Amino acid sequence: MPILKSDRSLSIASTGVNANVLKIVAIIAMFFDHATLAFIPEGTPLNWSVHFFGRLAAPLICYLIAEGYHYTSNKKAYTKRLFLFALISHFPYVLYYNLSIWKATSVMWSLTLGLIALTIANHKKLNLYAKSALILACCLAAYTANWNYIAVLWIVSFGVFRDQFDKKVVAYVAIGFFLYVLPGIQEYGAAVSYRFGFLMAIVFFYLYNRQPGKRNAFIKWSFY
C-alpha cells in the first residue's frame, strides 16, 4: 500500500532529524574539510574521503538559511545579521588564504545574497522579469565569494520549492552538477570527483522534520 504524503510527513516528523542536527552535521563536515587542508596530504584516499564528506557543509547551510527565512519573525533583522557576519568574516578569510582584499570573500557573503535573492523571489509586487533580473544581480554580486552564485541559487530553490520535495531535489542536483561538479572535473579531472559528495545532502533533506530542536545558544552561534 503506497504511503500518502500526509502519512510520510507524520512519520518523518516523529523520527526524522531537526534543524539542530543539520547544523551539527554541517559544522562537523566544515571542520574536517578545512582541517584536511592542513593535516592530510593531497591526493591520498583519506584526503579524498574527508573532502567527500565535507561536501555536506555548504548545501546544509544553504538549506538552513532558506528554512530560517521561512521561520523568522523578522526577515530584515535576519538579513542584517547575516550581512554583519559577512563583514566580520571577510578580513580573517582573505588574510588566512592570502587573497586580495577586494577580489574574494567568505561564504557568508554568498549566504547573505542568497537570502536577499529568496526575498526577491517571494516578493508579491515584482513580476517574473524583475525577479529574474534582481536574482541574476545577486548571483553576479556573489561571484567572488566562496560558493558564489551556487549558494545563491540553492537558497532560492530550497525556499521556492520548500513544499515540493521532488522539484527541490531536481533543482538542487542540476545546480550542483552543472555549476559545481562538471566545471571542476573539466578543469581538474578525477582529482575533484569528491564533489559528488554534495548528493549526500539529499538524505538529510528527506529526513528533515522541520522542527528546530531544543534552543541551544552554542549551536546557534557556532553555526554562524
Protein backbone atom coordinates (compact mmCIF):
# COMPACT_ATOMS: atom_id res chain seq x y z
CA MET A 1 0.00 0.00 0.00
CA PRO A 2 1.51 3.36 -1.02
CA ILE A 3 2.31 5.86 1.71
CA LEU A 4 0.35 9.08 1.39
CA LYS A 5 2.21 12.37 1.70
CA SER A 6 0.46 13.11 4.98
CA ASP A 7 1.49 9.72 6.35
CA ARG A 8 5.08 10.29 5.28
CA SER A 9 5.08 13.75 6.86
CA LEU A 10 3.85 12.32 10.16
CA SER A 11 6.46 9.57 10.01
CA ILE A 12 9.32 11.98 9.30
CA ALA A 13 8.11 14.43 11.95
CA SER A 14 8.32 11.73 14.60
CA THR A 15 11.54 10.02 13.51
CA GLY A 16 13.44 12.49 11.34
CA VAL A 17 16.20 14.94 12.16
CA ASN A 18 15.68 18.51 13.34
CA ALA A 19 17.47 21.73 12.44
CA ASN A 20 19.96 21.36 15.28
CA VAL A 21 21.10 18.02 13.86
CA LEU A 22 21.57 19.58 10.42
CA LYS A 23 23.62 22.38 11.98
CA ILE A 24 25.83 19.95 13.87
CA VAL A 25 26.43 17.82 10.75
CA ALA A 26 27.27 20.97 8.75
CA ILE A 27 29.68 22.21 11.44
CA ILE A 28 31.44 18.83 11.67
CA ALA A 29 31.68 18.50 7.88
CA MET A 30 33.08 22.02 7.57
CA PHE A 31 35.60 21.49 10.38
CA PHE A 32 37.06 18.30 8.96
CA ASP A 33 37.02 19.63 5.40
CA HIS A 34 39.13 22.61 6.44
CA ALA A 35 41.34 20.56 8.75
CA THR A 36 42.16 18.27 5.83
CA LEU A 37 43.90 21.15 4.06
CA ALA A 38 46.38 21.43 6.92
CA PHE A 39 46.85 17.88 8.14
CA ILE A 40 46.17 15.34 5.37
CA PRO A 41 48.33 15.20 2.21
CA GLU A 42 46.52 15.90 -1.06
CA GLY A 43 45.93 13.00 -3.39
CA THR A 44 45.57 10.41 -0.64
CA PRO A 45 42.42 8.27 -0.22
CA LEU A 46 41.86 9.76 3.23
CA ASN A 47 42.06 13.29 1.85
CA TRP A 48 39.52 12.40 -0.86
CA SER A 49 37.19 10.74 1.66
CA VAL A 50 37.17 13.66 4.07
CA HIS A 51 36.58 16.14 1.25
CA PHE A 52 33.72 13.93 0.02
CA PHE A 53 32.14 14.12 3.48
CA GLY A 54 32.89 17.84 3.62
CA ARG A 55 30.61 18.45 0.62
CA LEU A 56 27.72 18.20 3.07
CA ALA A 57 28.53 21.52 4.70
CA ALA A 58 27.58 24.10 2.06
CA PRO A 59 24.24 22.61 0.94
CA LEU A 60 23.09 22.00 4.51
CA ILE A 61 23.98 25.57 5.45
CA CYS A 62 22.12 26.91 2.41
CA TYR A 63 19.15 24.72 3.30
CA LEU A 64 19.07 26.09 6.83
CA ILE A 65 19.29 29.67 5.56
CA ALA A 66 16.17 29.05 3.46
CA GLU A 67 14.45 27.43 6.44
CA GLY A 68 15.45 30.38 8.61
CA TYR A 69 13.80 32.70 6.10
CA HIS A 70 10.57 30.74 6.43
CA TYR A 71 10.51 30.68 10.22
CA THR A 72 11.97 34.05 11.21
CA SER A 73 9.58 36.68 12.51
CA ASN A 74 11.85 39.50 11.34
CA LYS A 75 13.34 38.94 7.89
CA LYS A 76 15.09 42.32 7.84
CA ALA A 77 16.87 41.60 11.12
CA TYR A 78 17.81 38.14 9.84
CA THR A 79 19.32 39.65 6.69
CA LYS A 80 21.16 42.33 8.65
CA ARG A 81 22.62 39.68 10.97
CA LEU A 82 23.96 37.67 8.03
CA PHE A 83 25.38 40.83 6.46
CA LEU A 84 27.13 41.71 9.72
CA PHE A 85 28.71 38.25 9.88
CA ALA A 86 29.75 38.63 6.24
CA LEU A 87 31.62 41.82 7.14
CA ILE A 88 33.19 40.31 10.25
CA SER A 89 34.37 37.17 8.45
CA HIS A 90 35.70 38.95 5.35
CA PHE A 91 39.06 40.13 6.67
CA PRO A 92 40.05 36.95 8.53
CA TYR A 93 39.10 34.98 5.41
CA VAL A 94 41.24 36.94 2.93
CA LEU A 95 44.15 37.17 5.36
CA TYR A 96 44.14 33.44 6.14
CA TYR A 97 44.03 32.43 2.48
CA ASN A 98 46.33 35.28 1.40
CA LEU A 99 43.76 36.63 -1.06
CA SER A 100 43.17 40.10 -2.45
CA ILE A 101 41.00 42.07 -0.07
CA TRP A 102 38.70 43.26 -2.87
CA LYS A 103 38.68 40.16 -5.09
CA ALA A 104 37.47 37.44 -2.72
CA THR A 105 35.36 36.97 0.38
CA SER A 106 33.83 34.28 2.56
CA VAL A 107 30.73 32.18 2.04
CA MET A 108 28.82 34.49 4.39
CA TRP A 109 28.50 36.99 1.54
CA SER A 110 27.02 34.30 -0.72
CA LEU A 111 24.59 33.32 2.03
CA THR A 112 23.54 36.93 2.55
CA LEU A 113 22.91 37.41 -1.15
CA GLY A 114 21.08 34.09 -1.29
CA LEU A 115 18.75 35.28 1.46
CA ILE A 116 18.19 38.56 -0.38
CA ALA A 117 17.52 36.64 -3.61
CA LEU A 118 14.97 34.43 -1.86
CA THR A 119 13.25 37.53 -0.51
CA ILE A 120 13.10 38.87 -4.06
CA ALA A 121 11.74 35.56 -5.39
CA ASN A 122 8.89 35.70 -2.87
CA HIS A 123 8.11 39.39 -3.39
CA LYS A 124 4.47 39.67 -4.43
CA LYS A 125 4.71 43.03 -6.21
CA LEU A 126 7.57 42.13 -8.58
CA ASN A 127 6.92 40.45 -11.92
CA LEU A 128 8.93 37.50 -13.21
CA TYR A 129 11.28 39.65 -15.30
CA ALA A 130 12.12 41.95 -12.41
CA LYS A 131 12.68 39.00 -10.09
CA SER A 132 14.92 37.25 -12.62
CA ALA A 133 16.99 40.38 -13.19
CA LEU A 134 17.45 41.06 -9.48
CA ILE A 135 18.30 37.44 -8.67
CA LEU A 136 20.84 37.49 -11.51
CA ALA A 137 22.31 40.64 -9.95
CA CYS A 138 22.65 38.78 -6.63
CA CYS A 139 24.43 35.93 -8.43
CA LEU A 140 26.85 38.35 -10.08
CA ALA A 141 27.49 40.14 -6.79
CA ALA A 142 28.36 36.78 -5.21
CA TYR A 143 30.79 35.82 -7.98
CA THR A 144 34.00 36.35 -5.97
CA ALA A 145 32.67 34.81 -2.74
CA ASN A 146 33.19 31.25 -1.59
CA TRP A 147 30.41 29.08 -3.12
CA ASN A 148 29.42 32.19 -5.13
CA TYR A 149 26.21 32.01 -7.20
CA ILE A 150 25.81 28.30 -6.46
CA ALA A 151 24.85 29.12 -2.87
CA VAL A 152 22.53 31.89 -4.05
CA LEU A 153 20.66 29.59 -6.43
CA TRP A 154 20.49 26.76 -3.92
CA ILE A 155 18.94 29.01 -1.29
CA VAL A 156 16.39 30.31 -3.79
CA SER A 157 15.46 26.80 -4.95
CA PHE A 158 15.20 25.50 -1.37
CA GLY A 159 12.87 28.35 -0.48
CA VAL A 160 10.74 28.42 -3.63
CA PHE A 161 10.28 24.63 -3.72
CA ARG A 162 10.08 24.20 0.05
CA ASP A 163 6.87 22.16 -0.11
CA GLN A 164 7.71 20.35 -3.36
CA PHE A 165 10.38 17.82 -2.49
CA ASP A 166 10.85 16.36 -5.98
CA LYS A 167 11.28 19.76 -7.64
CA LYS A 168 13.58 20.88 -4.83
CA VAL A 169 15.86 17.87 -5.34
CA VAL A 170 15.88 18.21 -9.14
CA ALA A 171 16.83 21.89 -8.88
CA TYR A 172 19.46 21.12 -6.24
CA VAL A 173 21.09 18.34 -8.28
CA ALA A 174 21.00 20.34 -11.52
CA ILE A 175 22.64 23.38 -9.92
CA GLY A 176 25.21 21.26 -8.11
CA PHE A 177 26.13 19.12 -11.10
CA PHE A 178 26.24 21.72 -13.87
CA LEU A 179 27.70 24.61 -11.87
CA TYR A 180 29.92 22.76 -9.39
CA VAL A 181 30.81 19.15 -10.26
CA LEU A 182 31.09 19.37 -14.04
CA PRO A 183 33.23 22.56 -14.19
CA GLY A 184 35.54 21.11 -11.52
CA ILE A 185 36.06 17.82 -13.34
CA GLN A 186 36.59 19.60 -16.65
CA GLU A 187 39.34 21.71 -15.09
CA TYR A 188 40.94 19.34 -12.58
CA GLY A 189 39.84 15.87 -13.65
CA ALA A 190 39.04 12.93 -11.37
CA ALA A 191 41.03 14.50 -8.51
CA VAL A 192 37.94 16.52 -7.58
CA SER A 193 35.43 13.71 -8.04
CA TYR A 194 34.79 14.09 -4.31
CA ARG A 195 32.49 16.93 -5.34
CA PHE A 196 29.83 14.31 -5.96
CA GLY A 197 29.60 14.20 -2.17
CA PHE A 198 27.09 17.03 -2.41
CA LEU A 199 24.49 14.38 -3.29
CA MET A 200 24.63 13.02 0.27
CA ALA A 201 22.72 16.09 1.46
CA ILE A 202 19.56 14.78 -0.22
CA VAL A 203 19.27 12.16 2.53
CA PHE A 204 19.19 14.92 5.15
CA PHE A 205 16.67 16.94 3.14
CA TYR A 206 14.42 13.89 3.14
CA LEU A 207 14.85 13.18 6.85
CA TYR A 208 14.46 16.79 7.99
CA ASN A 209 11.31 17.06 10.10
CA ARG A 210 11.01 20.87 10.09
CA GLN A 211 11.49 21.01 13.84
CA PRO A 212 14.04 23.46 15.29
CA GLY A 213 15.22 21.22 18.12
CA LYS A 214 15.96 22.46 21.61
CA ARG A 215 17.14 26.04 21.92
CA ASN A 216 20.90 25.98 22.19
CA ALA A 217 22.90 29.20 22.03
CA PHE A 218 26.17 27.34 21.47
CA ILE A 219 24.85 25.51 18.39
CA LYS A 220 23.23 28.69 17.07
CA TRP A 221 26.33 30.87 17.22
CA SER A 222 28.76 28.07 16.36
CA PHE A 223 26.73 27.60 13.20
CA TYR A 224 27.38 31.21 12.21
